[in-house]
Amino acid sequence: MNGRLCSKVGCSREAVATLTFDYGDQMAALGPLGAEHDPHAHDLCALHTDRLSVPAGWIVVRHETLRA
């Protein structure tokens, strides 16, 4: 376990991804868990990563990790 939990209220699952927002460009970026906790980002578990939704008109950029 990495010691970081999902940012969603009431969720106690391990975080696996980090979500950031660019409000000016109406974009959300979802990528691998950041190396360090960023107070301006949201760490999400696998369940909440899969269920991610954004406001109408926004784009989601998903950064995938390289798999061997």
PDB file of N, CA and C in Angstrom:
ATOM      1  N   MET A   1       0.848  -1.190   0.000  1.00  0.00           N
ATOM      2  CA  MET A   1       0.000   0.000   0.000  1.00  0.00           C
ATOM      3  C   MET A   1       0.886   1.244   0.000  1.00  0.00           C
ATOM      4  N   ASN A   2       0.462   2.265  -0.739  1.00  0.00           N
ATOM      5  CA  ASN A   2       1.259   3.482  -0.847  1.00  0.00           C
ATOM      6  C   ASN A   2       0.993   4.473   0.286  1.00  0.00           C
ATOM      7  N   GLY A   3      -0.002   4.197   1.128  1.00  0.00           N
ATOM      8  CA  GLY A   3      -0.295   5.066   2.253  1.00  0.00           C
ATOM      9  C   GLY A   3      -1.215   6.218   1.922  1.00  0.00           C
ATOM     10  N   ARG A   4      -1.599   6.371   0.669  1.00  0.00           N
ATOM     11  CA  ARG A   4      -2.513   7.450   0.276  1.00  0.00           C
ATOM     12  C   ARG A   4      -3.867   6.858  -0.060  1.00  0.00           C
ATOM     13  N   LEU A   5      -4.891   7.514   0.446  1.00  0.00           N
ATOM     14  CA  LEU A   5      -6.249   7.035   0.247  1.00  0.00           C
ATOM     15  C   LEU A   5      -6.991   7.893  -0.763  1.00  0.00           C
ATOM     16  N   CYS A   6      -8.053   7.345  -1.282  1.00  0.00           N
ATOM     17  CA  CYS A   6      -8.919   8.048  -2.224  1.00  0.00           C
ATOM     18  C   CYS A   6      -9.438   9.341  -1.578  1.00  0.00           C
ATOM     19  N   SER A   7      -9.525  10.395  -2.360  1.00  0.00           N
ATOM     20  CA  SER A   7      -9.977  11.700  -1.864  1.00  0.00           C
ATOM     21  C   SER A   7     -11.494  11.793  -1.714  1.00  0.00           C
ATOM     22  N   LYS A   8     -12.227  10.849  -2.286  1.00  0.00           N
ATOM     23  CA  LYS A   8     -13.687  10.892  -2.201  1.00  0.00           C
ATOM     24  C   LYS A   8     -14.124  10.695  -0.751  1.00  0.00           C
ATOM     25  N   VAL A   9     -15.068  11.508  -0.327  1.00  0.00           N
ATOM     26  CA  VAL A   9     -15.572  11.449   1.044  1.00  0.00           C
ATOM     27  C   VAL A   9     -16.146  10.064   1.323  1.00  0.00           C
ATOM     28  N   GLY A  10     -15.735   9.480   2.429  1.00  0.00           N
ATOM     29  CA  GLY A  10     -16.250   8.187   2.848  1.00  0.00           C
ATOM     30  C   GLY A  10     -15.570   6.991   2.205  1.00  0.00           C
ATOM     31  N   CYS A  11     -14.628   7.212   1.295  1.00  0.00           N
ATOM     32  CA  CYS A  11     -13.931   6.114   0.643  1.00  0.00           C
ATOM     33  C   CYS A  11     -12.614   5.864   1.371  1.00  0.00           C
ATOM     34  N   SER A  12     -12.343   4.617   1.660  1.00  0.00           N
ATOM     35  CA  SER A  12     -11.096   4.287   2.362  1.00  0.00           C
ATOM     36  C   SER A  12     -10.208   3.368   1.523  1.00  0.00           C
ATOM     37  N   ARG A  13     -10.460   3.356   0.203  1.00  0.00           N
ATOM     38  CA  ARG A  13      -9.644   2.520  -0.680  1.00  0.00           C
ATOM     39  C   ARG A  13      -8.311   3.215  -0.983  1.00  0.00           C
ATOM     40  N   GLU A  14      -7.344   2.408  -1.384  1.00  0.00           N
ATOM     41  CA  GLU A  14      -6.026   2.913  -1.748  1.00  0.00           C
ATOM     42  C   GLU A  14      -6.110   3.727  -3.040  1.00  0.00           C
ATOM     43  N   ALA A  15      -5.449   4.867  -3.068  1.00  0.00           N
ATOM     44  CA  ALA A  15      -5.410   5.708  -4.269  1.00  0.00           C
ATOM     45  C   ALA A  15      -4.491   5.089  -5.314  1.00  0.00           C
ATOM     46  N   VAL A  16      -4.927   5.152  -6.588  1.00  0.00           N
ATOM     47  CA  VAL A  16      -4.125   4.601  -7.690  1.00  0.00           C
ATOM     48  C   VAL A  16      -3.913   5.619  -8.814  1.00  0.00           C
ATOM     49  N   ALA A  17      -4.614   6.751  -8.758  1.00  0.00           N
ATOM     50  CA  ALA A  17      -4.524   7.754  -9.818  1.00  0.00           C
ATOM     51  C   ALA A  17      -4.648   9.149  -9.214  1.00  0.00           C
ATOM     52  N   THR A  18      -4.161  10.142  -9.955  1.00  0.00           N
ATOM     53  CA  THR A  18      -4.261  11.529  -9.524  1.00  0.00           C
ATOM     54  C   THR A  18      -5.023  12.328 -10.571  1.00  0.00           C
ATOM     55  N   LEU A  19      -5.979  13.128 -10.104  1.00  0.00           N
ATOM     56  CA  LEU A  19      -6.842  13.940 -10.958  1.00  0.00           C
ATOM     57  C   LEU A  19      -6.521  15.411 -10.733  1.00  0.00           C
ATOM     58  N   THR A  20      -6.329  16.137 -11.823  1.00  0.00           N
ATOM     59  CA  THR A  20      -6.134  17.589 -11.747  1.00  0.00           C
ATOM     60  C   THR A  20      -7.101  18.255 -12.712  1.00  0.00           C
ATOM     61  N   PHE A  21      -7.371  19.536 -12.469  1.00  0.00           N
ATOM     62  CA  PHE A  21      -8.305  20.294 -13.295  1.00  0.00           C
ATOM     63  C   PHE A  21      -7.639  21.528 -13.868  1.00  0.00           C
ATOM     64  N   ASP A  22      -8.042  21.896 -15.076  1.00  0.00           N
ATOM     65  CA  ASP A  22      -7.685  23.184 -15.678  1.00  0.00           C
ATOM     66  C   ASP A  22      -9.019  23.855 -15.994  1.00  0.00           C
ATOM     67  N   TYR A  23      -9.464  24.709 -15.088  1.00  0.00           N
ATOM     68  CA  TYR A  23     -10.781  25.317 -15.215  1.00  0.00           C
ATOM     69  C   TYR A  23     -10.876  26.217 -16.431  1.00  0.00           C
ATOM     70  N   GLY A  24      -9.796  26.931 -16.767  1.00  0.00           N
ATOM     71  CA  GLY A  24      -9.808  27.831 -17.922  1.00  0.00           C
ATOM     72  C   GLY A  24     -10.038  27.098 -19.231  1.00  0.00           C
ATOM     73  N   ASP A  25      -9.435  25.923 -19.374  1.00  0.00           N
ATOM     74  CA  ASP A  25      -9.587  25.124 -20.594  1.00  0.00           C
ATOM     75  C   ASP A  25     -10.687  24.080 -20.474  1.00  0.00           C
ATOM     76  N   GLN A  26     -11.391  24.054 -19.355  1.00  0.00           N
ATOM     77  CA  GLN A  26     -12.450  23.070 -19.095  1.00  0.00           C
ATOM     78  C   GLN A  26     -11.955  21.651 -19.374  1.00  0.00           C
ATOM     79  N   MET A  27     -10.872  21.299 -18.689  1.00  0.00           N
ATOM     80  CA  MET A  27     -10.230  20.003 -18.908  1.00  0.00           C
ATOM     81  C   MET A  27      -9.860  19.378 -17.565  1.00  0.00           C
ATOM     82  N   ALA A  28     -10.039  18.056 -17.497  1.00  0.00           N
ATOM     83  CA  ALA A  28      -9.596  17.275 -16.349  1.00  0.00           C
ATOM     84  C   ALA A  28      -8.528  16.317 -16.845  1.00  0.00           C
ATOM     85  N   ALA A  29      -7.447  16.181 -16.097  1.00  0.00           N
ATOM     86  CA  ALA A  29      -6.364  15.259 -16.461  1.00  0.00           C
ATOM     87  C   ALA A  29      -6.270  14.188 -15.381  1.00  0.00           C
ATOM     88  N   LEU A  30      -6.317  12.940 -15.831  1.00  0.00           N
ATOM     89  CA  LEU A  30      -6.247  11.804 -14.929  1.00  0.00           C
ATOM     90  C   LEU A  30      -5.039  10.968 -15.300  1.00  0.00           C
ATOM     91  N   GLY A  31      -4.160  10.753 -14.354  1.00  0.00           N
ATOM     92  CA  GLY A  31      -2.946  10.002 -14.643  1.00  0.00           C
ATOM     93  C   GLY A  31      -2.546   9.117 -13.489  1.00  0.00           C
ATOM     94  N   PRO A  32      -1.405   8.474 -13.618  1.00  0.00           N
ATOM     95  CA  PRO A  32      -0.904   7.625 -12.533  1.00  0.00           C
ATOM     96  C   PRO A  32      -0.760   8.434 -11.244  1.00  0.00           C
ATOM     97  N   LEU A  33      -0.767   7.762 -10.141  1.00  0.00           N
ATOM     98  CA  LEU A  33      -0.643   8.421  -8.850  1.00  0.00           C
ATOM     99  C   LEU A  33       0.635   9.252  -8.813  1.00  0.00           C
ATOM    100  N   GLY A  34       0.498  10.517  -8.470  1.00  0.00           N
ATOM    101  CA  GLY A  34       1.648  11.402  -8.397  1.00  0.00           C
ATOM    102  C   GLY A  34       2.660  10.934  -7.364  1.00  0.00           C
ATOM    103  N   ALA A  35       3.902  11.298  -7.575  1.00  0.00           N
ATOM    104  CA  ALA A  35       4.979  10.881  -6.670  1.00  0.00           C
ATOM    105  C   ALA A  35       4.771  11.412  -5.250  1.00  0.00           C
ATOM    106  N   GLU A  36       4.213  12.614  -5.144  1.00  0.00           N
ATOM    107  CA  GLU A  36       3.962  13.231  -3.844  1.00  0.00           C
ATOM    108  C   GLU A  36       2.546  13.768  -3.813  1.00  0.00           C
ATOM    109  N   HIS A  37       2.016  13.899  -2.614  1.00  0.00           N
ATOM    110  CA  HIS A  37       0.677  14.470  -2.464  1.00  0.00           C
ATOM    111  C   HIS A  37       0.708  15.946  -2.869  1.00  0.00           C
ATOM    112  N   ASP A  38      -0.224  16.335  -3.741  1.00  0.00           N
ATOM    113  CA  ASP A  38      -0.352  17.718  -4.185  1.00  0.00           C
ATOM    114  C   ASP A  38      -1.681  18.248  -3.639  1.00  0.00           C
ATOM    115  N   PRO A  39      -1.667  19.319  -2.857  1.00  0.00           N
ATOM    116  CA  PRO A  39      -2.918  19.817  -2.280  1.00  0.00           C
ATOM    117  C   PRO A  39      -3.910  20.334  -3.329  1.00  0.00           C
ATOM    118  N   HIS A  40      -3.454  20.537  -4.561  1.00  0.00           N
ATOM    119  CA  HIS A  40      -4.338  21.019  -5.619  1.00  0.00           C
ATOM    120  C   HIS A  40      -4.829  19.887  -6.517  1.00  0.00           C
ATOM    121  N   ALA A  41      -4.512  18.660  -6.176  1.00  0.00           N
ATOM    122  CA  ALA A  41      -4.908  17.493  -6.960  1.00  0.00           C
ATOM    123  C   ALA A  41      -5.743  16.562  -6.085  1.00  0.00           C
ATOM    124  N   HIS A  42      -6.410  15.638  -6.723  1.00  0.00           N
ATOM    125  CA  HIS A  42      -7.262  14.681  -6.020  1.00  0.00           C
ATOM    126  C   HIS A  42      -6.782  13.275  -6.347  1.00  0.00           C
ATOM    127  N   ASP A  43      -6.460  12.510  -5.322  1.00  0.00           N
ATOM    128  CA  ASP A  43      -6.061  11.114  -5.505  1.00  0.00           C
ATOM    129  C   ASP A  43      -7.327  10.262  -5.498  1.00  0.00           C
ATOM    130  N   LEU A  44      -7.415   9.337  -6.456  1.00  0.00           N
ATOM    131  CA  LEU A  44      -8.609   8.503  -6.583  1.00  0.00           C
ATOM    132  C   LEU A  44      -8.257   7.021  -6.573  1.00  0.00           C
ATOM    133  N   CYS A  45      -9.161   6.205  -6.049  1.00  0.00           N
ATOM    134  CA  CYS A  45      -9.015   4.754  -6.092  1.00  0.00           C
ATOM    135  C   CYS A  45      -9.445   4.266  -7.481  1.00  0.00           C
ATOM    136  N   ALA A  46      -9.246   2.984  -7.747  1.00  0.00           N
ATOM    137  CA  ALA A  46      -9.590   2.416  -9.049  1.00  0.00           C
ATOM    138  C   ALA A  46     -11.086   2.563  -9.346  1.00  0.00           C
ATOM    139  N   LEU A  47     -11.933   2.339  -8.356  1.00  0.00           N
ATOM    140  CA  LEU A  47     -13.378   2.448  -8.557  1.00  0.00           C
ATOM    141  C   LEU A  47     -13.774   3.855  -8.977  1.00  0.00           C
ATOM    142  N   HIS A  48     -13.298   4.866  -8.263  1.00  0.00           N
ATOM    143  CA  HIS A  48     -13.663   6.242  -8.587  1.00  0.00           C
ATOM    144  C   HIS A  48     -12.972   6.740  -9.863  1.00  0.00           C
ATOM    145  N   THR A  49     -11.828   6.167 -10.191  1.00  0.00           N
ATOM    146  CA  THR A  49     -11.176   6.486 -11.463  1.00  0.00           C
ATOM    147  C   THR A  49     -12.052   6.025 -12.613  1.00  0.00           C
ATOM    148  N   ASP A  50     -12.584   4.816 -12.513  1.00  0.00           N
ATOM    149  CA  ASP A  50     -13.446   4.272 -13.565  1.00  0.00           C
ATOM    150  C   ASP A  50     -14.772   5.010 -13.670  1.00  0.00           C
ATOM    151  N   ARG A  51     -15.264   5.530 -12.572  1.00  0.00           N
ATOM    152  CA  ARG A  51     -16.563   6.219 -12.539  1.00  0.00           C
ATOM    153  C   ARG A  51     -16.463   7.723 -12.775  1.00  0.00           C
ATOM    154  N   LEU A  52     -15.284   8.216 -13.067  1.00  0.00           N
ATOM    155  CA  LEU A  52     -15.074   9.657 -13.208  1.00  0.00           C
ATOM    156  C   LEU A  52     -16.014  10.275 -14.241  1.00  0.00           C
ATOM    157  N   SER A  53     -16.649  11.363 -13.874  1.00  0.00           N
ATOM    158  CA  SER A  53     -17.442  12.142 -14.820  1.00  0.00           C
ATOM    159  C   SER A  53     -17.105  13.616 -14.606  1.00  0.00           C
ATOM    160  N   VAL A  54     -17.247  14.390 -15.667  1.00  0.00           N
ATOM    161  CA  VAL A  54     -16.934  15.822 -15.610  1.00  0.00           C
ATOM    162  C   VAL A  54     -18.142  16.598 -16.141  1.00  0.00           C
ATOM    163  N   PRO A  55     -18.184  17.900 -15.899  1.00  0.00           N
ATOM    164  CA  PRO A  55     -19.309  18.692 -16.395  1.00  0.00           C
ATOM    165  C   PRO A  55     -19.425  18.631 -17.924  1.00  0.00           C
ATOM    166  N   ALA A  56     -20.640  18.831 -18.423  1.00  0.00           N
ATOM    167  CA  ALA A  56     -20.881  18.849 -19.867  1.00  0.00           C
ATOM    168  C   ALA A  56     -19.986  19.897 -20.520  1.00  0.00           C
ATOM    169  N   GLY A  57     -19.367  19.519 -21.640  1.00  0.00           N
ATOM    170  CA  GLY A  57     -18.486  20.425 -22.360  1.00  0.00           C
ATOM    171  C   GLY A  57     -17.026  20.313 -21.966  1.00  0.00           C
ATOM    172  N   TRP A  58     -16.725  19.620 -20.898  1.00  0.00           N
ATOM    173  CA  TRP A  58     -15.349  19.426 -20.461  1.00  0.00           C
ATOM    174  C   TRP A  58     -14.746  18.226 -21.179  1.00  0.00           C
ATOM    175  N   ILE A  59     -13.431  18.196 -21.250  1.00  0.00           N
ATOM    176  CA  ILE A  59     -12.714  17.058 -21.820  1.00  0.00           C
ATOM    177  C   ILE A  59     -11.941  16.375 -20.691  1.00  0.00           C
ATOM    178  N   VAL A  60     -11.788  15.060 -20.824  1.00  0.00           N
ATOM    179  CA  VAL A  60     -10.972  14.292 -19.887  1.00  0.00           C
ATOM    180  C   VAL A  60      -9.780  13.748 -20.659  1.00  0.00           C
ATOM    181  N   VAL A  61      -8.589  14.046 -20.175  1.00  0.00           N
ATOM    182  CA  VAL A  61      -7.362  13.505 -20.752  1.00  0.00           C
ATOM    183  C   VAL A  61      -6.887  12.428 -19.787  1.00  0.00           C
ATOM    184  N   ARG A  62      -6.811  11.193 -20.283  1.00  0.00           N
ATOM    185  CA  ARG A  62      -6.368  10.068 -19.448  1.00  0.00           C
ATOM    186  C   ARG A  62      -4.958   9.675 -19.870  1.00  0.00           C
ATOM    187  N   HIS A  63      -4.029   9.832 -18.962  1.00  0.00           N
ATOM    188  CA  HIS A  63      -2.633   9.450 -19.202  1.00  0.00           C
ATOM    189  C   HIS A  63      -2.447   8.031 -18.702  1.00  0.00           C
ATOM    190  N   GLU A  64      -2.153   7.126 -19.589  1.00  0.00           N
ATOM    191  CA  GLU A  64      -1.961   5.724 -19.220  1.00  0.00           C
ATOM    192  C   GLU A  64      -0.480   5.475 -18.952  1.00  0.00           C
ATOM    193  N   THR A  65      -0.213   4.574 -18.042  1.00  0.00           N
ATOM    194  CA  THR A  65       1.174   4.186 -17.779  1.00  0.00           C
ATOM    195  C   THR A  65       1.595   3.161 -18.831  1.00  0.00           C
ATOM    196  N   LEU A  66       2.881   3.104 -19.095  1.00  0.00           N
ATOM    197  CA  LEU A  66       3.386   2.125 -20.032  1.00  0.00           C
ATOM    198  C   LEU A  66       3.358   0.758 -19.385  1.00  0.00           C
ATOM    199  N   ARG A  67       2.902  -0.226 -20.126  1.00  0.00           N
ATOM    200  CA  ARG A  67       2.840  -1.582 -19.594  1.00  0.00           C
ATOM    201  C   ARG A  67       3.805  -2.457 -20.372  1.00  0.00           C
ATOM    202  N   ALA A  68       4.558  -3.283 -19.653  1.00  0.00           N
ATOM    203  CA  ALA A  68       5.528  -4.172 -20.296  1.00  0.00           C
ATOM    204  C   ALA A  68       4.832  -5.390 -20.847  1.00  0.00           C
TER     205      ALA A  68
END
